[in-house]
Amino acid sequence: MQSQTIDTAKIEQNHHLTAESHHEAHPDLRMFGLVVFLVAEGMIFLGLFGAYLAFRSTLPVWPPEGTPELELLLPGINTINLIASSFVMHNADTAIKKNDEKGMRTWLAITAAMGAIFLVGQVYEYTHLEFGLTTNLFASAFYVLTGFHGLHVTIGVLAILAVLWRSRTPGHYSNEHHFGIEAAELYWHFVDVIWIILFGLLYLL
């Protein structure tokens, strides 16, 4: 009877050790997965940038004759707004690492609002452009590039709002558990960098 009790204790101990080793054998790869995803998205944008530059280099006149000149004021303001929002988003990450949940929620809300303002500005620009999607090659490239980026901004805003919604539960995010915030921040920085490249290609070159 005693031997059976000892054997049972050993089995439970071995099971516990096996469970711990099994847990340690599976590190958290969520951030790595996100980086791989962003690299894949970056390759898509790189292909679009390459196509745009190929069009630009092969046509004798770019943009094609008759294409209305793009205004710089609104896109410039939008660019400043988006760049500033990256710093605001970083403040949210800094706040949660200090266990400042209220500050984290405040910075997240401001970032989401700035992203929404960017989208409103883009829609406003679309409604006032003097060319359409099928006007010429430049117009098509412009709408595809800015529209695809706008889709990513929309996804980023939704991701930030999702993090903000989940943060309503006290203690859901802390200085030790804040993957959702870091993931949203990394994605938002990616969107920001892509727009800076787009702004240079479409509006400044």
C-alpha atoms as a PDB file:
ATOM      1  CA  MET A   1       0.000   0.000   0.000  1.00  0.00           C
ATOM      2  CA  GLN A   2       2.838   2.331   0.883  1.00  0.00           C
ATOM      3  CA  SER A   3       4.632   1.414  -2.325  1.00  0.00           C
ATOM      4  CA  GLN A   4       1.508   2.229  -4.316  1.00  0.00           C
ATOM      5  CA  THR A   5       1.264   5.649  -2.581  1.00  0.00           C
ATOM      6  CA  ILE A   6       4.895   6.383  -3.365  1.00  0.00           C
ATOM      7  CA  ASP A   7       4.453   5.323  -6.972  1.00  0.00           C
ATOM      8  CA  THR A   8       1.398   7.586  -7.303  1.00  0.00           C
ATOM      9  CA  ALA A   9       3.345  10.529  -5.884  1.00  0.00           C
ATOM     10  CA  LYS A  10       6.189   9.872  -8.320  1.00  0.00           C
ATOM     11  CA  ILE A  11       3.769   9.707 -11.233  1.00  0.00           C
ATOM     12  CA  GLU A  12       2.212  13.034 -10.251  1.00  0.00           C
ATOM     13  CA  GLN A  13       5.641  14.613  -9.809  1.00  0.00           C
ATOM     14  CA  ASN A  14       6.819  13.325 -13.194  1.00  0.00           C
ATOM     15  CA  HIS A  15       3.618  14.584 -14.797  1.00  0.00           C
ATOM     16  CA  HIS A  16       4.208  18.008 -13.269  1.00  0.00           C
ATOM     17  CA  LEU A  17       7.805  18.099 -14.498  1.00  0.00           C
ATOM     18  CA  THR A  18       6.720  16.942 -17.957  1.00  0.00           C
ATOM     19  CA  ALA A  19       4.064  19.681 -18.107  1.00  0.00           C
ATOM     20  CA  GLU A  20       6.628  22.324 -17.109  1.00  0.00           C
ATOM     21  CA  SER A  21       9.143  21.139 -19.701  1.00  0.00           C
ATOM     22  CA  HIS A  22       6.393  21.003 -22.307  1.00  0.00           C
ATOM     23  CA  HIS A  23       5.449  24.591 -21.477  1.00  0.00           C
ATOM     24  CA  GLU A  24       9.053  25.764 -21.663  1.00  0.00           C
ATOM     25  CA  ALA A  25       9.466  24.051 -25.041  1.00  0.00           C
ATOM     26  CA  HIS A  26       6.847  26.362 -26.580  1.00  0.00           C
ATOM     27  CA  PRO A  27       8.041  29.986 -26.271  1.00  0.00           C
ATOM     28  CA  ASP A  28       5.755  32.874 -27.099  1.00  0.00           C
ATOM     29  CA  LEU A  29       6.171  33.426 -30.851  1.00  0.00           C
ATOM     30  CA  ARG A  30       3.327  35.872 -31.345  1.00  0.00           C
ATOM     31  CA  MET A  31       5.599  38.861 -31.929  1.00  0.00           C
ATOM     32  CA  PHE A  32       7.724  36.833 -34.341  1.00  0.00           C
ATOM     33  CA  GLY A  33       4.553  35.910 -36.221  1.00  0.00           C
ATOM     34  CA  LEU A  34       3.535  39.546 -36.410  1.00  0.00           C
ATOM     35  CA  VAL A  35       6.962  40.531 -37.750  1.00  0.00           C
ATOM     36  CA  VAL A  36       6.718  37.835 -40.429  1.00  0.00           C
ATOM     37  CA  PHE A  37       3.257  39.130 -41.352  1.00  0.00           C
ATOM     38  CA  LEU A  38       4.520  42.717 -41.627  1.00  0.00           C
ATOM     39  CA  VAL A  39       7.455  41.573 -43.759  1.00  0.00           C
ATOM     40  CA  ALA A  40       4.965  39.902 -46.106  1.00  0.00           C
ATOM     41  CA  GLU A  41       2.868  43.061 -46.219  1.00  0.00           C
ATOM     42  CA  GLY A  42       5.993  45.084 -46.836  1.00  0.00           C
ATOM     43  CA  MET A  43       6.816  42.873 -49.828  1.00  0.00           C
ATOM     44  CA  ILE A  44       3.396  43.631 -51.299  1.00  0.00           C
ATOM     45  CA  PHE A  45       3.989  47.357 -50.923  1.00  0.00           C
ATOM     46  CA  LEU A  46       7.486  46.932 -52.326  1.00  0.00           C
ATOM     47  CA  GLY A  47       5.976  45.336 -55.427  1.00  0.00           C
ATOM     48  CA  LEU A  48       3.550  48.243 -55.811  1.00  0.00           C
ATOM     49  CA  PHE A  49       6.359  50.762 -55.349  1.00  0.00           C
ATOM     50  CA  GLY A  50       8.428  48.927 -57.948  1.00  0.00           C
ATOM     51  CA  ALA A  51       5.559  48.954 -60.436  1.00  0.00           C
ATOM     52  CA  TYR A  52       5.013  52.685 -59.869  1.00  0.00           C
ATOM     53  CA  LEU A  53       8.702  53.461 -60.404  1.00  0.00           C
ATOM     54  CA  ALA A  54       8.723  51.269 -63.525  1.00  0.00           C
ATOM     55  CA  PHE A  55       5.780  53.215 -64.956  1.00  0.00           C
ATOM     56  CA  ARG A  56       7.490  56.482 -64.070  1.00  0.00           C
ATOM     57  CA  SER A  57      10.774  55.533 -65.705  1.00  0.00           C
ATOM     58  CA  THR A  58       9.316  54.124 -68.935  1.00  0.00           C
ATOM     59  CA  LEU A  59       6.863  56.887 -69.832  1.00  0.00           C
ATOM     60  CA  PRO A  60       8.335  60.027 -71.437  1.00  0.00           C
ATOM     61  CA  VAL A  61       6.131  62.339 -69.332  1.00  0.00           C
ATOM     62  CA  TRP A  62       5.112  61.650 -65.734  1.00  0.00           C
ATOM     63  CA  PRO A  63       2.427  62.265 -64.680  1.00  0.00           C
ATOM     64  CA  PRO A  64       0.862  62.029 -68.154  1.00  0.00           C
ATOM     65  CA  GLU A  65      -0.041  65.328 -69.805  1.00  0.00           C
ATOM     66  CA  GLY A  66      -3.334  66.747 -68.639  1.00  0.00           C
ATOM     67  CA  THR A  67      -3.102  65.267 -65.130  1.00  0.00           C
ATOM     68  CA  PRO A  68      -4.050  67.946 -62.576  1.00  0.00           C
ATOM     69  CA  GLU A  69      -1.293  68.746 -60.101  1.00  0.00           C
ATOM     70  CA  LEU A  70      -1.712  67.288 -56.629  1.00  0.00           C
ATOM     71  CA  GLU A  71      -2.192  69.682 -53.724  1.00  0.00           C
ATOM     72  CA  LEU A  72       0.392  69.380 -50.960  1.00  0.00           C
ATOM     73  CA  LEU A  73      -1.324  71.161 -48.048  1.00  0.00           C
ATOM     74  CA  LEU A  74      -3.821  68.511 -46.958  1.00  0.00           C
ATOM     75  CA  PRO A  75      -1.525  65.506 -47.586  1.00  0.00           C
ATOM     76  CA  GLY A  76       1.248  67.374 -45.762  1.00  0.00           C
ATOM     77  CA  ILE A  77      -0.995  67.941 -42.745  1.00  0.00           C
ATOM     78  CA  ASN A  78      -2.067  64.302 -42.904  1.00  0.00           C
ATOM     79  CA  THR A  79       1.579  63.224 -42.960  1.00  0.00           C
ATOM     80  CA  ILE A  80       2.455  65.299 -39.901  1.00  0.00           C
ATOM     81  CA  ASN A  81      -0.614  63.939 -38.137  1.00  0.00           C
ATOM     82  CA  LEU A  82       0.299  60.314 -38.872  1.00  0.00           C
ATOM     83  CA  ILE A  83       3.945  60.740 -37.861  1.00  0.00           C
ATOM     84  CA  ALA A  84       2.873  62.415 -34.611  1.00  0.00           C
ATOM     85  CA  SER A  85       0.427  59.586 -33.922  1.00  0.00           C
ATOM     86  CA  SER A  86       3.330  57.112 -33.823  1.00  0.00           C
ATOM     87  CA  PHE A  87       4.861  59.031 -30.932  1.00  0.00           C
ATOM     88  CA  VAL A  88       1.476  59.147 -29.209  1.00  0.00           C
ATOM     89  CA  MET A  89       1.108  55.389 -29.665  1.00  0.00           C
ATOM     90  CA  HIS A  90       4.529  54.850 -28.126  1.00  0.00           C
ATOM     91  CA  ASN A  91       3.366  56.780 -25.069  1.00  0.00           C
ATOM     92  CA  ALA A  92       0.637  54.181 -24.567  1.00  0.00           C
ATOM     93  CA  ASP A  93       3.233  51.415 -24.510  1.00  0.00           C
ATOM     94  CA  THR A  94       5.410  53.405 -22.120  1.00  0.00           C
ATOM     95  CA  ALA A  95       2.437  54.037 -19.832  1.00  0.00           C
ATOM     96  CA  ILE A  96       1.443  50.372 -19.500  1.00  0.00           C
ATOM     97  CA  LYS A  97       5.025  49.396 -18.722  1.00  0.00           C
ATOM     98  CA  LYS A  98       4.630  51.692 -15.718  1.00  0.00           C
ATOM     99  CA  ASN A  99       1.284  50.032 -14.903  1.00  0.00           C
ATOM    100  CA  ASP A 100      -0.454  53.309 -15.771  1.00  0.00           C
ATOM    101  CA  GLU A 101      -3.670  51.861 -17.229  1.00  0.00           C
ATOM    102  CA  LYS A 102      -5.471  55.204 -17.360  1.00  0.00           C
ATOM    103  CA  GLY A 103      -2.603  56.852 -19.237  1.00  0.00           C
ATOM    104  CA  MET A 104      -2.400  53.888 -21.594  1.00  0.00           C
ATOM    105  CA  ARG A 105      -6.105  54.146 -22.444  1.00  0.00           C
ATOM    106  CA  THR A 106      -5.811  57.901 -22.961  1.00  0.00           C
ATOM    107  CA  TRP A 107      -2.912  57.604 -25.389  1.00  0.00           C
ATOM    108  CA  LEU A 108      -4.615  54.758 -27.260  1.00  0.00           C
ATOM    109  CA  ALA A 109      -7.787  56.813 -27.669  1.00  0.00           C
ATOM    110  CA  ILE A 110      -5.813  59.797 -28.974  1.00  0.00           C
ATOM    111  CA  THR A 111      -3.941  57.589 -31.452  1.00  0.00           C
ATOM    112  CA  ALA A 112      -7.190  56.086 -32.748  1.00  0.00           C
ATOM    113  CA  ALA A 113      -8.644  59.583 -33.144  1.00  0.00           C
ATOM    114  CA  MET A 114      -5.580  60.752 -35.077  1.00  0.00           C
ATOM    115  CA  GLY A 115      -5.840  57.715 -37.340  1.00  0.00           C
ATOM    116  CA  ALA A 116      -9.511  58.485 -37.974  1.00  0.00           C
ATOM    117  CA  ILE A 117      -8.614  62.096 -38.798  1.00  0.00           C
ATOM    118  CA  PHE A 118      -6.070  60.825 -41.332  1.00  0.00           C
ATOM    119  CA  LEU A 119      -8.744  58.702 -43.014  1.00  0.00           C
ATOM    120  CA  VAL A 120     -11.225  61.581 -43.083  1.00  0.00           C
ATOM    121  CA  GLY A 121      -8.553  63.759 -44.680  1.00  0.00           C
ATOM    122  CA  GLN A 122      -7.870  61.106 -47.297  1.00  0.00           C
ATOM    123  CA  VAL A 123     -11.560  60.751 -48.156  1.00  0.00           C
ATOM    124  CA  TYR A 124     -11.840  64.539 -48.392  1.00  0.00           C
ATOM    125  CA  GLU A 125      -8.885  64.604 -50.784  1.00  0.00           C
ATOM    126  CA  TYR A 126     -10.483  61.881 -52.924  1.00  0.00           C
ATOM    127  CA  THR A 127     -13.715  63.866 -53.249  1.00  0.00           C
ATOM    128  CA  HIS A 128     -11.829  66.949 -54.430  1.00  0.00           C
ATOM    129  CA  LEU A 129      -9.394  65.373 -56.884  1.00  0.00           C
ATOM    130  CA  GLU A 130      -9.834  66.369 -60.501  1.00  0.00           C
ATOM    131  CA  PHE A 131      -9.112  62.880 -61.818  1.00  0.00           C
ATOM    132  CA  GLY A 132     -10.660  59.458 -61.322  1.00  0.00           C
ATOM    133  CA  LEU A 133      -9.398  55.902 -61.013  1.00  0.00           C
ATOM    134  CA  THR A 134      -9.384  55.317 -64.794  1.00  0.00           C
ATOM    135  CA  THR A 135      -8.234  58.760 -65.966  1.00  0.00           C
ATOM    136  CA  ASN A 136      -4.703  57.583 -66.768  1.00  0.00           C
ATOM    137  CA  LEU A 137      -1.930  55.343 -65.438  1.00  0.00           C
ATOM    138  CA  PHE A 138      -0.814  57.817 -62.795  1.00  0.00           C
ATOM    139  CA  ALA A 139      -4.360  58.201 -61.478  1.00  0.00           C
ATOM    140  CA  SER A 140      -4.812  54.427 -61.259  1.00  0.00           C
ATOM    141  CA  ALA A 141      -1.492  54.006 -59.451  1.00  0.00           C
ATOM    142  CA  PHE A 142      -2.347  56.864 -57.093  1.00  0.00           C
ATOM    143  CA  TYR A 143      -5.673  55.380 -56.049  1.00  0.00           C
ATOM    144  CA  VAL A 144      -4.308  51.852 -55.687  1.00  0.00           C
ATOM    145  CA  LEU A 145      -1.347  52.909 -53.560  1.00  0.00           C
ATOM    146  CA  THR A 146      -3.183  55.362 -51.310  1.00  0.00           C
ATOM    147  CA  GLY A 147      -6.290  53.187 -51.116  1.00  0.00           C
ATOM    148  CA  PHE A 148      -4.332  50.085 -50.121  1.00  0.00           C
ATOM    149  CA  HIS A 149      -2.509  52.100 -47.480  1.00  0.00           C
ATOM    150  CA  GLY A 150      -5.806  53.569 -46.295  1.00  0.00           C
ATOM    151  CA  LEU A 151      -7.091  50.019 -45.803  1.00  0.00           C
ATOM    152  CA  HIS A 152      -4.110  49.303 -43.556  1.00  0.00           C
ATOM    153  CA  VAL A 153      -4.720  52.485 -41.570  1.00  0.00           C
ATOM    154  CA  THR A 154      -8.341  51.390 -41.077  1.00  0.00           C
ATOM    155  CA  ILE A 155      -7.181  47.982 -39.823  1.00  0.00           C
ATOM    156  CA  GLY A 156      -4.724  49.723 -37.505  1.00  0.00           C
ATOM    157  CA  VAL A 157      -7.421  51.964 -36.039  1.00  0.00           C
ATOM    158  CA  LEU A 158      -9.674  48.942 -35.482  1.00  0.00           C
ATOM    159  CA  ALA A 159      -6.803  47.078 -33.798  1.00  0.00           C
ATOM    160  CA  ILE A 160      -6.170  50.007 -31.457  1.00  0.00           C
ATOM    161  CA  LEU A 161      -9.875  50.219 -30.630  1.00  0.00           C
ATOM    162  CA  ALA A 162      -9.895  46.463 -29.931  1.00  0.00           C
ATOM    163  CA  VAL A 163      -6.980  46.864 -27.522  1.00  0.00           C
ATOM    164  CA  LEU A 164      -8.738  49.816 -25.927  1.00  0.00           C
ATOM    165  CA  TRP A 165     -11.914  47.758 -25.523  1.00  0.00           C
ATOM    166  CA  ARG A 166     -10.070  44.864 -23.893  1.00  0.00           C
ATOM    167  CA  SER A 167      -8.284  47.257 -21.536  1.00  0.00           C
ATOM    168  CA  ARG A 168     -11.635  47.966 -19.871  1.00  0.00           C
ATOM    169  CA  THR A 169     -11.028  44.855 -17.756  1.00  0.00           C
ATOM    170  CA  PRO A 170      -8.803  45.916 -14.829  1.00  0.00           C
ATOM    171  CA  GLY A 171      -5.438  44.209 -14.972  1.00  0.00           C
ATOM    172  CA  HIS A 172      -5.913  42.839 -18.480  1.00  0.00           C
ATOM    173  CA  TYR A 173      -2.764  44.705 -19.488  1.00  0.00           C
ATOM    174  CA  SER A 174       0.165  45.303 -17.168  1.00  0.00           C
ATOM    175  CA  ASN A 175       3.903  45.857 -17.235  1.00  0.00           C
ATOM    176  CA  GLU A 176       4.313  42.083 -17.613  1.00  0.00           C
ATOM    177  CA  HIS A 177       1.439  41.321 -19.995  1.00  0.00           C
ATOM    178  CA  HIS A 178       1.051  43.847 -22.809  1.00  0.00           C
ATOM    179  CA  PHE A 179       1.496  41.969 -26.089  1.00  0.00           C
ATOM    180  CA  GLY A 180      -1.673  43.480 -27.580  1.00  0.00           C
ATOM    181  CA  ILE A 181      -0.362  47.008 -27.087  1.00  0.00           C
ATOM    182  CA  GLU A 182       3.087  46.203 -28.442  1.00  0.00           C
ATOM    183  CA  ALA A 183       1.583  44.459 -31.474  1.00  0.00           C
ATOM    184  CA  ALA A 184      -0.715  47.392 -32.242  1.00  0.00           C
ATOM    185  CA  GLU A 185       2.201  49.797 -31.825  1.00  0.00           C
ATOM    186  CA  LEU A 186       4.466  47.852 -34.186  1.00  0.00           C
ATOM    187  CA  TYR A 187       1.710  47.648 -36.798  1.00  0.00           C
ATOM    188  CA  TRP A 188       1.040  51.381 -36.458  1.00  0.00           C
ATOM    189  CA  HIS A 189       4.722  52.230 -36.953  1.00  0.00           C
ATOM    190  CA  PHE A 190       4.692  50.039 -40.071  1.00  0.00           C
ATOM    191  CA  VAL A 191       1.714  51.965 -41.473  1.00  0.00           C
ATOM    192  CA  ASP A 192       3.504  55.228 -40.690  1.00  0.00           C
ATOM    193  CA  VAL A 193       6.712  54.254 -42.502  1.00  0.00           C
ATOM    194  CA  ILE A 194       4.787  53.063 -45.557  1.00  0.00           C
ATOM    195  CA  TRP A 195       2.959  56.394 -45.775  1.00  0.00           C
ATOM    196  CA  ILE A 196       6.205  58.384 -45.578  1.00  0.00           C
ATOM    197  CA  ILE A 197       7.497  56.429 -48.589  1.00  0.00           C
ATOM    198  CA  LEU A 198       4.179  56.886 -50.412  1.00  0.00           C
ATOM    199  CA  PHE A 199       4.133  60.616 -49.732  1.00  0.00           C
ATOM    200  CA  GLY A 200       7.610  60.970 -51.157  1.00  0.00           C
ATOM    201  CA  LEU A 201       6.819  58.948 -54.283  1.00  0.00           C
ATOM    202  CA  LEU A 202       3.446  60.450 -55.114  1.00  0.00           C
ATOM    203  CA  TYR A 203       3.638  64.031 -53.917  1.00  0.00           C
ATOM    204  CA  LEU A 204       7.290  65.060 -53.860  1.00  0.00           C
ATOM    205  CA  LEU A 205       9.058  63.265 -56.730  1.00  0.00           C
END
